Amino acid sequence: MDKPASNSSPPRLLAQVVERVRYLHYSLRTEQAYVAWIRQFIRWHGLRHPREMGAPEVEAFLAHLANERRVSVATHRQALSALLFLYREVLGLKLPWLQELGRPVPKRRIPVVLTRDEVARVLAAMTGESALLARLLYGTGMRLHEGLSLRVKDVDFARHVIVVREAKGAKDRVVMLPRSLAEPLREQLARSHGTWTTDRAAGRPGVFLPHALERKYPRADQSWVWFWVFPSPVLSVDPRTGIERRHHLHEKRLQRDLKRAVTSVGMARMVSVHTLRHSFATHLLQAGTDIRTVQELLGHSDVSTTMIYTHVLKIAAGTTASPLDALAA
């Protein structure tokens, strides 16, 4: 069981964590995750300062996560990364035991991939902005956050491309703009422009800009080109600045609507939004697209990550017959 702990936490140390994370331009999700894990680590050890602790305390906390809370390998690795960040980047401690902490090896799992017919059935069961966003993710291979955070300036109708900014690993890349989505996206931008016009007329703060661009270009946050392609219908408070402003659609909206669509068509599959990306990659390879092109479209730094889709194809292609079929013949 968890050790009893007080509701208080050392805000000064956590503030230092936040300051360092932002200095290194880590994402908001990483910031929130690191702060949460460091807070849990300190509370689990009775609010002792991390400087007073070392390898035994870190290993005890990680063992608690693995053995008692039974967290996944990915969660375990994230907690370890947060603690390593704390000791190395915030406390500035370069201790030998930091190098000796073992990282659990992530398990390579075969992704869930839908057939083209299954994708068509699910997409046909969706409506509104969720339907357009789902079609866009399947048609481009973008991750959910990449699609949600699209800015007006990054949709190039003339060249039929979309520029994905600040993707995983802080890398930009270019993906195709499906020609069948050109007109629906223009209609979406018209609706988005109406929201932008309302915000400007109301004198509301502009959208969030990355890497202090708001200070470099004082009016850019209120310009149309930086506005969201999929703006949220409601305002929300920016967790980093405390400013109430317009953000993009919340990720849970598409997750919820996709789940409903899968249920409505009677599909007994474990389908998530990321399944659309898996299906995009697999269907491209099925159509004869070379794996290096698929790697670039997905934004994978290593082609071995993209190779996982070839394993799905080998079995699905039916090139290796089951011995049972020989018996039946």
Protein backbone atom coordinates (compact mmCIF):
# COMPACT_ATOMS: atom_id res chain seq x y z
CA MET A 1 0.00 0.00 0.00
CA ASP A 2 1.04 3.61 -0.46
CA LYS A 3 2.79 5.25 2.42
CA PRO A 4 0.74 7.89 4.26
CA ALA A 5 1.61 11.41 3.23
CA SER A 6 0.64 14.97 3.95
CA ASN A 7 -1.37 17.02 1.47
CA SER A 8 1.42 19.59 1.34
CA SER A 9 4.26 19.44 -1.17
CA PRO A 10 7.50 21.40 -1.60
CA PRO A 11 6.37 24.07 -4.10
CA ARG A 12 9.81 25.64 -4.40
CA LEU A 13 11.37 22.46 -5.78
CA LEU A 14 8.45 21.77 -8.11
CA ALA A 15 8.63 25.35 -9.34
CA GLN A 16 12.27 24.73 -10.21
CA VAL A 17 11.25 21.61 -12.12
CA VAL A 18 8.69 23.61 -14.12
CA GLU A 19 11.21 26.37 -14.81
CA ARG A 20 13.80 23.89 -16.08
CA VAL A 21 11.29 21.99 -18.22
CA ARG A 22 10.19 25.20 -19.89
CA TYR A 23 13.75 26.37 -20.39
CA LEU A 24 14.44 23.16 -22.31
CA HIS A 25 11.21 23.63 -24.33
CA TYR A 26 9.66 20.34 -23.28
CA SER A 27 5.99 19.88 -24.09
CA LEU A 28 3.21 20.74 -21.67
CA ARG A 29 2.35 17.04 -21.35
CA THR A 30 5.93 16.22 -20.37
CA GLU A 31 5.91 19.06 -17.86
CA GLN A 32 2.69 17.83 -16.25
CA ALA A 33 3.89 14.22 -16.16
CA TYR A 34 7.30 15.04 -14.66
CA VAL A 35 5.82 17.27 -11.97
CA ALA A 36 3.24 14.61 -11.07
CA TRP A 37 5.84 11.82 -10.76
CA ILE A 38 8.28 13.93 -8.75
CA ARG A 39 5.48 14.98 -6.39
CA GLN A 40 4.46 11.32 -5.93
CA PHE A 41 8.08 10.31 -5.29
CA ILE A 42 8.53 12.96 -2.59
CA ARG A 43 5.20 12.23 -0.91
CA TRP A 44 5.77 8.47 -0.97
CA HIS A 45 8.99 9.04 0.97
CA GLY A 46 7.29 11.19 3.61
CA LEU A 47 8.17 14.58 2.09
CA ARG A 48 11.91 14.02 2.35
CA HIS A 49 13.94 16.26 0.07
CA PRO A 50 15.40 14.40 -2.93
CA ARG A 51 18.89 15.61 -1.99
CA GLU A 52 18.61 13.45 1.13
CA MET A 53 17.75 10.39 -0.95
CA GLY A 54 19.54 8.31 -3.53
CA ALA A 55 19.50 5.04 -5.43
CA PRO A 56 17.76 2.95 -2.70
CA GLU A 57 14.85 5.40 -2.47
CA VAL A 58 14.49 5.74 -6.24
CA GLU A 59 14.59 1.97 -6.73
CA ALA A 60 12.13 1.42 -3.87
CA PHE A 61 9.66 3.85 -5.47
CA LEU A 62 10.02 2.26 -8.90
CA ALA A 63 9.62 -1.22 -7.39
CA HIS A 64 6.43 -0.01 -5.70
CA LEU A 65 5.10 1.15 -9.09
CA ALA A 66 5.97 -2.14 -10.78
CA ASN A 67 5.01 -4.63 -8.05
CA GLU A 68 2.16 -3.00 -6.14
CA ARG A 69 0.59 -0.60 -8.60
CA ARG A 70 1.47 -2.84 -11.56
CA VAL A 71 2.01 0.04 -13.96
CA SER A 72 2.86 -0.59 -17.60
CA VAL A 73 6.42 -0.59 -18.93
CA ALA A 74 5.79 2.78 -20.60
CA THR A 75 4.54 4.31 -17.35
CA HIS A 76 7.49 2.84 -15.44
CA ARG A 77 9.94 4.36 -17.93
CA GLN A 78 8.21 7.73 -17.74
CA ALA A 79 8.47 7.80 -13.93
CA LEU A 80 12.16 6.90 -14.14
CA SER A 81 12.75 9.63 -16.74
CA ALA A 82 11.09 12.17 -14.45
CA LEU A 83 13.35 11.24 -11.53
CA LEU A 84 16.47 11.27 -13.69
CA PHE A 85 15.43 14.73 -14.91
CA LEU A 86 15.02 15.87 -11.31
CA TYR A 87 18.49 14.75 -10.22
CA ARG A 88 20.38 15.69 -13.37
CA GLU A 89 18.68 18.81 -14.65
CA VAL A 90 17.19 20.40 -11.53
CA LEU A 91 19.45 19.35 -8.68
CA GLY A 92 22.53 19.14 -10.88
CA LEU A 93 23.72 15.90 -9.30
CA LYS A 94 25.86 13.67 -11.48
CA LEU A 95 25.94 10.55 -9.34
CA PRO A 96 27.24 7.13 -10.47
CA TRP A 97 24.04 5.36 -9.47
CA LEU A 98 22.07 7.39 -12.00
CA GLN A 99 23.76 5.42 -14.77
CA GLU A 100 23.06 2.10 -13.10
CA LEU A 101 19.29 2.39 -12.84
CA GLY A 102 17.76 -0.14 -15.18
CA ARG A 103 15.11 0.84 -17.69
CA PRO A 104 12.49 -1.83 -18.39
CA VAL A 105 12.53 -2.84 -22.05
CA PRO A 106 9.35 -1.79 -23.88
CA LYS A 107 7.40 -4.63 -25.45
CA ARG A 108 6.96 -4.55 -29.21
CA ARG A 109 3.30 -5.26 -29.90
CA ILE A 110 1.60 -5.85 -33.23
CA PRO A 111 -0.68 -2.84 -33.86
CA VAL A 112 -4.41 -3.13 -34.42
CA VAL A 113 -5.06 -2.46 -38.11
CA LEU A 114 -8.44 -2.12 -39.79
CA THR A 115 -9.17 -3.20 -43.33
CA ARG A 116 -10.13 -0.52 -45.86
CA ASP A 117 -13.75 -1.65 -45.62
CA GLU A 118 -13.69 -1.39 -41.83
CA VAL A 119 -12.20 2.11 -41.98
CA ALA A 120 -14.89 3.17 -44.46
CA ARG A 121 -17.67 1.80 -42.23
CA VAL A 122 -16.37 3.56 -39.12
CA LEU A 123 -15.82 6.89 -40.87
CA ALA A 124 -19.29 6.73 -42.43
CA ALA A 125 -20.79 6.36 -38.94
CA MET A 126 -19.24 9.65 -37.77
CA THR A 127 -20.53 13.19 -38.24
CA GLY A 128 -19.45 16.79 -37.82
CA GLU A 129 -15.94 17.93 -36.92
CA SER A 130 -15.09 14.53 -35.45
CA ALA A 131 -15.77 12.88 -38.80
CA LEU A 132 -13.54 15.35 -40.64
CA LEU A 133 -10.77 15.03 -38.09
CA ALA A 134 -10.91 11.21 -38.18
CA ARG A 135 -10.73 11.25 -41.99
CA LEU A 136 -7.80 13.66 -41.82
CA LEU A 137 -5.87 11.44 -39.38
CA TYR A 138 -6.45 8.34 -41.51
CA GLY A 139 -5.69 10.23 -44.71
CA THR A 140 -2.40 11.70 -43.50
CA GLY A 141 -1.13 9.38 -40.75
CA MET A 142 -0.95 12.24 -38.27
CA ARG A 143 -1.11 11.62 -34.54
CA LEU A 144 -4.17 12.92 -32.69
CA HIS A 145 -2.36 15.88 -31.11
CA GLU A 146 -0.82 16.80 -34.46
CA GLY A 147 -4.22 16.97 -36.11
CA LEU A 148 -5.83 18.88 -33.26
CA SER A 149 -3.07 21.50 -33.10
CA LEU A 150 -3.06 22.30 -36.83
CA ARG A 151 -2.79 26.03 -37.56
CA VAL A 152 -4.37 27.75 -40.56
CA LYS A 153 -0.96 28.65 -42.02
CA ASP A 154 0.12 24.98 -42.16
CA VAL A 155 -2.58 23.85 -44.60
CA ASP A 156 -1.31 24.42 -48.14
CA PHE A 157 -4.14 23.93 -50.62
CA ALA A 158 -2.03 24.99 -53.60
CA ARG A 159 0.55 22.22 -53.14
CA HIS A 160 -1.86 19.77 -51.46
CA VAL A 161 0.37 19.35 -48.40
CA ILE A 162 0.10 19.87 -44.66
CA VAL A 163 3.08 20.91 -42.57
CA VAL A 164 3.12 19.14 -39.21
CA ARG A 165 4.88 21.43 -36.72
CA GLU A 166 6.62 20.44 -33.50
CA ALA A 167 5.77 16.75 -33.88
CA LYS A 168 7.14 14.02 -31.65
CA GLY A 169 10.83 14.67 -31.05
CA ALA A 170 10.30 18.40 -31.83
CA LYS A 171 10.58 17.71 -35.57
CA ASP A 172 8.59 19.21 -38.45
CA ARG A 173 7.50 17.12 -41.40
CA VAL A 174 5.27 17.34 -44.47
CA VAL A 175 2.34 15.03 -45.22
CA MET A 176 -0.09 14.90 -48.11
CA LEU A 177 -3.38 16.81 -48.03
CA PRO A 178 -5.93 14.30 -49.35
CA ARG A 179 -7.63 15.85 -52.36
CA SER A 180 -10.99 14.48 -51.20
CA LEU A 181 -10.64 16.58 -48.04
CA ALA A 182 -9.75 19.88 -49.74
CA GLU A 183 -13.33 21.17 -49.90
CA PRO A 184 -14.37 19.89 -46.43
CA LEU A 185 -11.25 21.56 -44.98
CA ARG A 186 -12.09 24.85 -46.71
CA GLU A 187 -15.55 24.67 -45.15
CA GLN A 188 -13.99 23.93 -41.76
CA LEU A 189 -11.70 26.94 -42.12
CA ALA A 190 -14.73 29.11 -42.91
CA ARG A 191 -16.34 28.00 -39.63
CA SER A 192 -13.06 28.50 -37.81
CA HIS A 193 -12.79 32.01 -39.27
CA GLY A 194 -16.19 32.83 -37.82
CA THR A 195 -14.95 31.83 -34.36
CA TRP A 196 -11.77 33.87 -34.86
CA THR A 197 -13.81 36.92 -35.90
CA THR A 198 -16.00 36.60 -32.80
CA ASP A 199 -12.94 36.40 -30.54
CA ARG A 200 -11.35 39.46 -32.12
CA ALA A 201 -14.58 41.46 -31.82
CA ALA A 202 -14.81 40.48 -28.14
CA GLY A 203 -11.22 41.52 -27.49
CA ARG A 204 -10.23 38.09 -26.23
CA PRO A 205 -6.59 37.04 -25.86
CA GLY A 206 -5.05 35.32 -28.86
CA VAL A 207 -4.08 31.66 -29.16
CA PHE A 208 -1.04 30.11 -27.52
CA LEU A 209 2.19 30.52 -29.47
CA PRO A 210 5.21 28.26 -29.00
CA HIS A 211 8.71 29.28 -27.87
CA ALA A 212 8.04 32.87 -26.86
CA LEU A 213 6.89 33.86 -30.37
CA GLU A 214 4.24 35.97 -28.66
CA ARG A 215 6.97 38.32 -27.41
CA LYS A 216 8.87 38.25 -30.70
CA TYR A 217 5.74 38.93 -32.76
CA PRO A 218 3.38 40.79 -30.38
CA ARG A 219 0.26 40.56 -32.57
CA ALA A 220 0.81 37.12 -34.09
CA ASP A 221 -1.32 35.34 -31.48
CA GLN A 222 -4.36 37.30 -32.68
CA SER A 223 -3.69 36.85 -36.40
CA TRP A 224 -5.81 34.53 -38.54
CA VAL A 225 -2.87 32.53 -39.89
CA TRP A 226 -1.92 31.32 -36.40
CA PHE A 227 -5.50 30.37 -35.46
CA TRP A 228 -6.58 26.74 -34.98
CA VAL A 229 -8.11 24.74 -37.83
CA PHE A 230 -10.19 22.93 -35.18
CA PRO A 231 -10.88 25.53 -32.45
CA SER A 232 -12.67 24.55 -29.27
CA PRO A 233 -16.25 25.83 -28.96
CA VAL A 234 -15.45 27.06 -25.43
CA LEU A 235 -12.69 29.08 -23.82
CA SER A 236 -10.28 27.50 -21.34
CA VAL A 237 -7.54 28.64 -18.98
CA ASP A 238 -4.01 28.15 -20.29
CA PRO A 239 -2.26 26.07 -17.57
CA ARG A 240 1.08 27.74 -18.23
CA THR A 241 0.01 31.38 -18.22
CA GLY A 242 -3.33 31.38 -16.40
CA ILE A 243 -4.85 33.30 -19.34
CA GLU A 244 -8.34 32.35 -20.51
CA ARG A 245 -8.13 31.89 -24.28
CA ARG A 246 -9.32 29.77 -27.20
CA HIS A 247 -7.62 26.39 -27.44
CA HIS A 248 -8.08 23.65 -30.04
CA LEU A 249 -10.64 20.84 -29.68
CA HIS A 250 -10.11 18.54 -26.71
CA GLU A 251 -8.70 15.13 -27.59
CA LYS A 252 -11.41 13.30 -25.65
CA ARG A 253 -14.04 14.48 -28.10
CA LEU A 254 -12.69 12.46 -31.02
CA GLN A 255 -11.84 9.51 -28.78
CA ARG A 256 -15.44 9.41 -27.55
CA ASP A 257 -17.02 9.84 -30.98
CA LEU A 258 -14.77 7.21 -32.57
CA LYS A 259 -15.65 4.70 -29.85
CA ARG A 260 -19.34 5.32 -30.45
CA ALA A 261 -18.91 4.83 -34.20
CA VAL A 262 -17.07 1.53 -33.72
CA THR A 263 -19.86 0.30 -31.44
CA SER A 264 -22.60 1.48 -33.80
CA VAL A 265 -21.26 -0.56 -36.74
CA GLY A 266 -21.00 -3.68 -34.56
CA MET A 267 -17.23 -3.99 -34.82
CA ALA A 268 -15.71 -6.24 -32.16
CA ARG A 269 -12.26 -4.64 -32.28
CA MET A 270 -10.17 -2.66 -29.80
CA VAL A 271 -10.04 0.50 -31.90
CA SER A 272 -8.43 3.75 -30.76
CA VAL A 273 -7.64 6.99 -32.58
CA HIS A 274 -4.09 5.71 -33.10
CA THR A 275 -5.56 2.75 -35.01
CA LEU A 276 -6.26 5.19 -37.86
CA ARG A 277 -2.52 5.96 -38.06
CA HIS A 278 -1.66 2.25 -37.99
CA SER A 279 -4.17 1.60 -40.77
CA PHE A 280 -2.79 4.49 -42.85
CA ALA A 281 0.73 3.04 -42.74
CA THR A 282 -0.36 -0.53 -43.45
CA HIS A 283 -2.60 0.44 -46.36
CA LEU A 284 0.19 2.52 -47.94
CA LEU A 285 2.58 -0.46 -47.75
CA GLN A 286 -0.14 -2.71 -49.15
CA ALA A 287 -0.45 -0.34 -52.12
CA GLY A 288 3.27 -0.65 -52.85
CA THR A 289 4.60 2.55 -51.23
CA ASP A 290 8.25 2.08 -50.26
CA ILE A 291 8.94 1.84 -46.55
CA ARG A 292 11.26 4.88 -46.45
CA THR A 293 8.45 7.10 -47.73
CA VAL A 294 6.08 5.69 -45.12
CA GLN A 295 8.75 6.30 -42.47
CA GLU A 296 9.00 9.96 -43.47
CA LEU A 297 5.23 10.42 -43.55
CA LEU A 298 4.89 8.94 -40.06
CA GLY A 299 7.83 10.92 -38.70
CA HIS A 300 9.69 7.86 -37.41
CA SER A 301 13.36 8.54 -36.67
CA ASP A 302 14.25 4.86 -37.15
CA VAL A 303 12.96 2.68 -39.97
CA SER A 304 12.82 -0.29 -37.58
CA THR A 305 9.79 1.38 -35.96
CA THR A 306 8.05 1.46 -39.34
CA MET A 307 9.00 -2.17 -40.02
CA ILE A 308 6.40 -3.36 -37.49
CA TYR A 309 3.73 -2.81 -40.16
CA THR A 310 5.45 -5.24 -42.52
CA HIS A 311 4.80 -8.01 -39.99
CA VAL A 312 1.07 -7.35 -40.23
CA LEU A 313 1.27 -7.47 -44.02
CA LYS A 314 3.15 -10.76 -44.17
CA ILE A 315 0.40 -12.60 -42.34
CA ALA A 316 -2.49 -10.69 -43.89
CA ALA A 317 -1.19 -11.32 -47.41
CA GLY A 318 -1.67 -15.06 -46.92
CA THR A 319 1.67 -15.95 -48.47
CA THR A 320 2.26 -18.60 -45.81
CA ALA A 321 -0.45 -21.22 -45.76
CA SER A 322 -1.57 -22.94 -42.59
CA PRO A 323 -0.87 -26.71 -42.42
CA LEU A 324 -4.49 -27.21 -41.42
CA ASP A 325 -5.60 -26.07 -44.90
CA ALA A 326 -3.37 -28.76 -46.45
CA LEU A 327 -5.13 -31.41 -44.34
CA ALA A 328 -8.53 -30.13 -45.43
CA ALA A 329 -7.47 -30.29 -49.08
